C-alpha cells in the first residue's frame, strides 16, 4: 500500500510534517498581516466604508420599489 521508509511509513511522515507546514504557513500569514503599513490600513478602511455605503444605497432602492 504505502511506501515504507525503514520503520516509518509515508503516512506517518505526512502526519508529522503536515501540521508543521500548516503551522508555519499560519504563522507567516499572521505576521504578514500585522506588518501592514498605515497607508494600507487607511485604504482598507476607505474601501470597507465604500462597500457599506453602496450596500445601504442598494437596500434603500429595493425598499422604494
C-alpha atoms as a PDB file:
ATOM      1  CA  UNK A   1       0.000   0.000   0.000  1.00  0.00           C
ATOM      2  CA  UNK A   2       2.094   2.895   1.254  1.00  0.00           C
ATOM      3  CA  UNK A   3       5.807   3.050   0.732  1.00  0.00           C
ATOM      4  CA  UNK A   4       7.863   2.183   3.802  1.00  0.00           C
ATOM      5  CA  UNK A   5      10.987   4.100   4.731  1.00  0.00           C
ATOM      6  CA  UNK A   6      12.521   1.872   7.344  1.00  0.00           C
ATOM      7  CA  UNK A   7      10.068   1.605  10.223  1.00  0.00           C
ATOM      8  CA  UNK A   8       8.292   4.866   9.380  1.00  0.00           C
ATOM      9  CA  UNK A   9       5.530   4.850   6.796  1.00  0.00           C
ATOM     10  CA  UNK A  10       4.920   7.691   4.394  1.00  0.00           C
ATOM     11  CA  UNK A  11       1.571   8.328   6.078  1.00  0.00           C
ATOM     12  CA  UNK A  12       3.259   8.742   9.455  1.00  0.00           C
ATOM     13  CA  UNK A  13       5.705  11.223   7.963  1.00  0.00           C
ATOM     14  CA  UNK A  14       2.834  13.226   6.432  1.00  0.00           C
ATOM     15  CA  UNK A  15       1.013  13.254   9.771  1.00  0.00           C
ATOM     16  CA  UNK A  16       4.063  14.818  11.404  1.00  0.00           C
ATOM     17  CA  UNK A  17       5.272  17.136   8.633  1.00  0.00           C
ATOM     18  CA  UNK A  18       1.784  18.319   7.562  1.00  0.00           C
ATOM     19  CA  UNK A  19       0.880  20.132  10.792  1.00  0.00           C
ATOM     20  CA  UNK A  20       4.353  21.658  10.956  1.00  0.00           C
ATOM     21  CA  UNK A  21       3.996  23.079   7.445  1.00  0.00           C
ATOM     22  CA  UNK A  22       0.453  24.276   8.192  1.00  0.00           C
ATOM     23  CA  UNK A  23       1.600  25.963  11.400  1.00  0.00           C
ATOM     24  CA  UNK A  24       4.437  27.686   9.588  1.00  0.00           C
ATOM     25  CA  UNK A  25       2.046  28.956   6.900  1.00  0.00           C
ATOM     26  CA  UNK A  26      -0.385  30.282   9.517  1.00  0.00           C
ATOM     27  CA  UNK A  27       2.402  31.998  11.439  1.00  0.00           C
ATOM     28  CA  UNK A  28       3.691  33.599   8.239  1.00  0.00           C
ATOM     29  CA  UNK A  29       0.218  34.878   7.354  1.00  0.00           C
ATOM     30  CA  UNK A  30      -0.394  36.307  10.810  1.00  0.00           C
ATOM     31  CA  UNK A  31       2.971  38.059  10.906  1.00  0.00           C
ATOM     32  CA  UNK A  32       2.484  39.409   7.391  1.00  0.00           C
ATOM     33  CA  UNK A  33      -0.949  40.857   8.218  1.00  0.00           C
ATOM     34  CA  UNK A  34       0.342  42.569  11.377  1.00  0.00           C
ATOM     35  CA  UNK A  35       3.013  44.413   9.419  1.00  0.00           C
ATOM     36  CA  UNK A  36       0.608  46.338   7.205  1.00  0.00           C
ATOM     37  CA  UNK A  37       1.549  49.939   6.629  1.00  0.00           C
ATOM     38  CA  UNK A  38      -0.561  52.851   7.776  1.00  0.00           C
ATOM     39  CA  UNK A  39      -1.466  53.683   4.188  1.00  0.00           C
ATOM     40  CA  UNK A  40      -2.654  50.115   3.627  1.00  0.00           C
ATOM     41  CA  UNK A  41      -4.858  50.256   6.730  1.00  0.00           C
ATOM     42  CA  UNK A  42      -6.390  53.558   5.620  1.00  0.00           C
ATOM     43  CA  UNK A  43      -7.007  52.199   2.116  1.00  0.00           C
ATOM     44  CA  UNK A  44      -8.740  49.151   3.561  1.00  0.00           C
ATOM     45  CA  UNK A  45     -10.909  51.301   5.821  1.00  0.00           C
ATOM     46  CA  UNK A  46     -11.956  53.544   2.910  1.00  0.00           C
ATOM     47  CA  UNK A  47     -12.837  50.546   0.727  1.00  0.00           C
ATOM     48  CA  UNK A  48     -14.869  48.964   3.534  1.00  0.00           C
ATOM     49  CA  UNK A  49     -16.850  52.151   4.125  1.00  0.00           C
ATOM     50  CA  UNK A  50     -17.499  52.443   0.393  1.00  0.00           C
ATOM     51  CA  UNK A  51     -18.861  48.888   0.252  1.00  0.00           C
ATOM     52  CA  UNK A  52     -21.148  49.521   3.237  1.00  0.00           C
ATOM     53  CA  UNK A  53     -22.379  52.764   1.659  1.00  0.00           C
ATOM     54  CA  UNK A  54     -23.128  51.031  -1.649  1.00  0.00           C
ATOM     55  CA  UNK A  55     -24.956  48.206   0.124  1.00  0.00           C
ATOM     56  CA  UNK A  56     -27.066  50.700   2.085  1.00  0.00           C
ATOM     57  CA  UNK A  57     -27.961  52.599  -1.099  1.00  0.00           C
ATOM     58  CA  UNK A  58     -28.956  49.353  -2.820  1.00  0.00           C
ATOM     59  CA  UNK A  59     -31.110  48.415   0.158  1.00  0.00           C
ATOM     60  CA  UNK A  60     -32.866  51.796   0.053  1.00  0.00           C
ATOM     61  CA  UNK A  61     -33.550  51.361  -3.666  1.00  0.00           C
ATOM     62  CA  UNK A  62     -35.135  47.959  -3.037  1.00  0.00           C
ATOM     63  CA  UNK A  63     -37.325  49.342  -0.249  1.00  0.00           C
ATOM     64  CA  UNK A  64     -38.686  52.050  -2.585  1.00  0.00           C
ATOM     65  CA  UNK A  65     -39.862  49.505  -5.162  1.00  0.00           C
END
